[in-house]
Amino acid sequence: MKSKTFKLILASRSPRRRQILKEAGFDFTVYPSNSSESFSENLTLEENLRQISKDKIRSTLGRITSRFKKGILVLSADTTVVLGKTVLGKPENRLDAQRMLKFMSGKIHTVYTAYTIYNLDENLEITRLIKTKVGFRKLGSEEIKQYLDSGEAFDKAGSYGIQGLARAFINLVEGDLLNVVGLPLYDIKRELKKRSWRVRRKRD
Protein backbone atom coordinates (compact mmCIF):
# COMPACT_ATOMS: atom_id res chain seq x y z
CA MET A 1 0.00 0.00 0.00
CA LYS A 2 1.34 3.40 -1.00
CA SER A 3 1.80 5.76 1.95
CA LYS A 4 0.01 9.09 2.03
CA THR A 5 1.05 12.18 3.96
CA PHE A 6 -1.55 13.92 6.12
CA LYS A 7 -1.82 17.12 8.07
CA LEU A 8 -2.51 16.43 11.75
CA ILE A 9 -5.00 18.19 14.01
CA LEU A 10 -4.76 17.60 17.76
CA ALA A 11 -8.18 17.81 19.41
CA SER A 12 -6.93 18.44 22.93
CA ARG A 13 -6.13 21.24 25.36
CA SER A 14 -3.38 19.23 27.04
CA PRO A 15 0.08 20.88 27.00
CA ARG A 16 1.62 17.45 27.67
CA ARG A 17 0.13 16.00 24.48
CA ARG A 18 1.33 18.99 22.49
CA GLN A 19 4.82 18.53 23.92
CA ILE A 20 4.93 14.81 23.08
CA LEU A 21 3.96 15.46 19.46
CA LYS A 22 6.35 18.41 19.20
CA GLU A 23 9.29 16.39 20.53
CA ALA A 24 8.43 13.60 18.08
CA GLY A 25 8.82 16.09 15.24
CA PHE A 26 5.20 16.13 14.08
CA ASP A 27 3.80 19.20 12.35
CA PHE A 28 0.32 19.73 13.78
CA THR A 29 -2.40 22.26 14.54
CA VAL A 30 -4.26 22.38 17.86
CA TYR A 31 -8.06 22.60 17.86
CA PRO A 32 -8.97 22.37 21.58
CA SER A 33 -12.07 20.29 22.15
CA ASN A 34 -15.01 21.72 24.08
CA SER A 35 -16.73 18.37 24.64
CA SER A 36 -17.57 17.02 28.09
CA GLU A 37 -15.16 14.72 29.92
CA SER A 38 -17.79 13.55 32.40
CA PHE A 39 -18.35 9.82 32.85
CA SER A 40 -21.73 8.21 32.20
CA GLU A 41 -23.07 5.83 34.84
CA ASN A 42 -24.43 3.64 32.04
CA LEU A 43 -20.98 2.87 30.61
CA THR A 44 -17.96 0.97 31.89
CA LEU A 45 -14.68 2.77 32.54
CA GLU A 46 -13.23 1.66 29.21
CA GLU A 47 -16.42 2.56 27.34
CA ASN A 48 -16.43 6.02 28.95
CA LEU A 49 -12.85 6.73 27.96
CA ARG A 50 -13.44 5.58 24.39
CA GLN A 51 -16.61 7.67 24.16
CA ILE A 52 -14.94 10.82 25.52
CA SER A 53 -12.12 10.41 23.01
CA LYS A 54 -14.62 10.03 20.17
CA ASP A 55 -16.66 13.01 21.39
CA LYS A 56 -13.54 15.18 21.26
CA ILE A 57 -13.20 14.27 17.59
CA ARG A 58 -16.87 15.10 16.92
CA SER A 59 -16.63 18.52 18.55
CA THR A 60 -13.56 19.34 16.47
CA LEU A 61 -14.81 18.15 13.08
CA GLY A 62 -17.48 20.83 13.03
CA ARG A 63 -14.79 23.51 13.18
CA ILE A 64 -12.90 22.30 10.11
CA THR A 65 -14.11 24.15 7.03
CA SER A 66 -14.89 22.06 3.93
CA ARG A 67 -12.03 23.54 1.88
CA PHE A 68 -9.52 22.23 4.42
CA LYS A 69 -10.96 18.74 4.92
CA LYS A 70 -8.69 16.96 2.44
CA GLY A 71 -5.63 15.11 3.68
CA ILE A 72 -6.33 15.54 7.39
CA LEU A 73 -6.06 13.24 10.41
CA VAL A 74 -7.62 14.32 13.70
CA LEU A 75 -6.17 12.92 16.93
CA SER A 76 -7.79 13.02 20.36
CA ALA A 77 -7.17 11.31 23.69
CA ASP A 78 -8.49 11.02 27.22
CA THR A 79 -6.47 9.80 30.21
CA THR A 80 -7.45 8.72 33.69
CA VAL A 81 -5.91 6.94 36.68
CA VAL A 82 -7.52 3.96 38.40
CA LEU A 83 -6.64 2.32 41.71
CA GLY A 84 -8.75 -0.70 42.55
CA LYS A 85 -12.27 0.37 41.63
CA THR A 86 -11.61 4.07 42.26
CA VAL A 87 -11.24 6.43 39.29
CA LEU A 88 -8.89 9.32 39.99
CA GLY A 89 -9.43 12.18 37.56
CA LYS A 90 -8.13 15.72 37.84
CA PRO A 91 -8.31 17.05 41.42
CA GLU A 92 -10.95 19.61 42.28
CA ASN A 93 -8.72 21.40 44.78
CA ARG A 94 -5.66 20.99 47.01
CA LEU A 95 -7.46 18.80 49.52
CA ASP A 96 -8.65 16.49 46.76
CA ALA A 97 -5.12 16.25 45.32
CA GLN A 98 -3.72 15.48 48.77
CA ARG A 99 -6.32 12.73 49.22
CA MET A 100 -5.37 11.12 45.91
CA LEU A 101 -1.64 11.15 46.60
CA LYS A 102 -2.12 9.64 50.04
CA PHE A 103 -4.40 6.99 48.55
CA MET A 104 -1.82 6.02 45.90
CA SER A 105 1.13 6.03 48.32
CA GLY A 106 2.79 2.60 48.45
CA LYS A 107 0.39 1.12 45.87
CA ILE A 108 0.25 0.23 42.18
CA HIS A 109 -2.33 1.99 40.00
CA THR A 110 -3.21 1.82 36.31
CA VAL A 111 -3.16 4.70 33.84
CA TYR A 112 -5.67 4.35 30.99
CA THR A 113 -5.59 6.41 27.82
CA ALA A 114 -8.12 6.07 25.03
CA TYR A 115 -7.08 7.72 21.79
CA THR A 116 -8.91 8.18 18.51
CA ILE A 117 -7.52 8.84 15.04
CA TYR A 118 -10.04 10.05 12.46
CA ASN A 119 -9.22 10.06 8.75
CA LEU A 120 -11.42 12.62 7.00
CA ASP A 121 -10.61 11.36 3.50
CA GLU A 122 -11.82 7.84 4.29
CA ASN A 123 -14.37 8.74 6.98
CA LEU A 124 -12.56 6.14 9.09
CA GLU A 125 -12.25 6.24 12.88
CA ILE A 126 -9.85 4.16 14.97
CA THR A 127 -10.09 4.10 18.77
CA ARG A 128 -7.71 2.19 21.03
CA LEU A 129 -7.24 1.89 24.78
CA ILE A 130 -3.74 1.65 26.26
CA LYS A 131 -2.91 0.71 29.87
CA THR A 132 0.25 1.30 31.91
CA LYS A 133 0.86 0.14 35.48
CA VAL A 134 2.61 2.63 37.79
CA GLY A 135 3.87 2.02 41.31
CA PHE A 136 4.29 4.67 44.00
CA ARG A 137 6.72 4.19 46.86
CA LYS A 138 5.55 5.21 50.33
CA LEU A 139 5.15 8.98 50.44
CA GLY A 140 5.66 11.11 53.53
CA SER A 141 3.24 13.88 54.51
CA GLU A 142 5.91 16.56 54.11
CA GLU A 143 6.89 15.53 50.57
CA ILE A 144 3.20 15.43 49.56
CA LYS A 145 2.88 18.96 50.96
CA GLN A 146 5.95 20.13 49.05
CA TYR A 147 4.65 18.58 45.86
CA LEU A 148 1.28 20.30 46.26
CA ASP A 149 3.10 23.58 46.94
CA SER A 150 4.82 23.22 43.55
CA GLY A 151 1.45 23.52 41.81
CA GLU A 152 2.23 20.61 39.50
CA ALA A 153 -0.63 18.40 40.68
CA PHE A 154 -3.67 20.43 39.79
CA ASP A 155 -4.41 19.84 36.11
CA LYS A 156 -3.46 16.18 35.89
CA ALA A 157 -5.33 12.91 36.30
CA GLY A 158 -4.30 11.32 39.57
CA SER A 159 -2.82 14.62 40.77
CA TYR A 160 0.69 13.94 39.50
CA GLY A 161 2.93 14.39 36.47
CA ILE A 162 5.39 11.55 35.94
CA GLN A 163 7.47 13.78 33.66
CA GLY A 164 7.95 16.34 36.44
CA LEU A 165 8.75 16.37 40.13
CA ALA A 166 6.57 13.30 40.77
CA ARG A 167 9.07 11.07 38.99
CA ALA A 168 10.73 10.82 42.42
CA PHE A 169 7.59 9.00 43.69
CA ILE A 170 7.75 6.21 41.11
CA ASN A 171 9.22 2.76 41.74
CA LEU A 172 7.51 0.85 38.92
CA VAL A 173 6.41 1.45 35.33
CA GLU A 174 5.03 -1.45 33.28
CA GLY A 175 4.09 -0.31 29.79
CA ASP A 176 4.37 2.89 27.79
CA LEU A 177 5.76 5.77 29.87
CA LEU A 178 4.35 8.36 27.45
CA ASN A 179 0.91 6.88 28.04
CA VAL A 180 1.24 8.04 31.66
CA VAL A 181 2.19 11.51 30.44
CA GLY A 182 -1.00 11.54 28.37
CA LEU A 183 -0.41 10.18 24.86
CA PRO A 184 0.72 6.62 23.93
CA LEU A 185 2.87 7.77 21.04
CA TYR A 186 4.41 4.40 20.23
CA ASP A 187 1.04 2.73 19.77
CA ILE A 188 -0.18 5.68 17.69
CA LYS A 189 2.88 5.37 15.44
CA ARG A 190 2.17 1.65 14.99
CA GLU A 191 -1.42 2.35 13.94
CA LEU A 192 -0.29 4.99 11.45
CA LYS A 193 2.37 2.70 9.98
CA LYS A 194 -0.06 -0.21 9.72
CA ARG A 195 -2.34 1.90 7.52
CA SER A 196 0.47 3.66 5.59
CA TRP A 197 -0.66 7.02 6.97
CA ARG A 198 2.27 9.37 7.19
CA VAL A 199 1.97 12.53 9.29
CA ARG A 200 3.68 15.63 7.98
CA ARG A 201 6.90 16.33 9.86
CA LYS A 202 8.27 19.76 10.72
CA ARG A 203 11.10 19.35 8.22
CA ASP A 204 8.74 18.29 5.38
Foldseek 3Di string as FASTA:
>chain_A
DAFDEAEEEEAAPDPLVVVVCVVVQFHYHYDHFPDDLDADPVDDPVVSQQVVQVNSVVRRVVVDDPVPLPRYKYKYKDKWKDDDNDIFFAAPDLVRLLVLVQVQEQHKIKMKMKMWIARSVVRDIDIDIDIKIWHFYHDDPVVSVVLVVVVQQGHGHSRDACVDPCVVGTDDIGGQPSVRNPDRVVVVVVVCVVVSYHYDGPVD
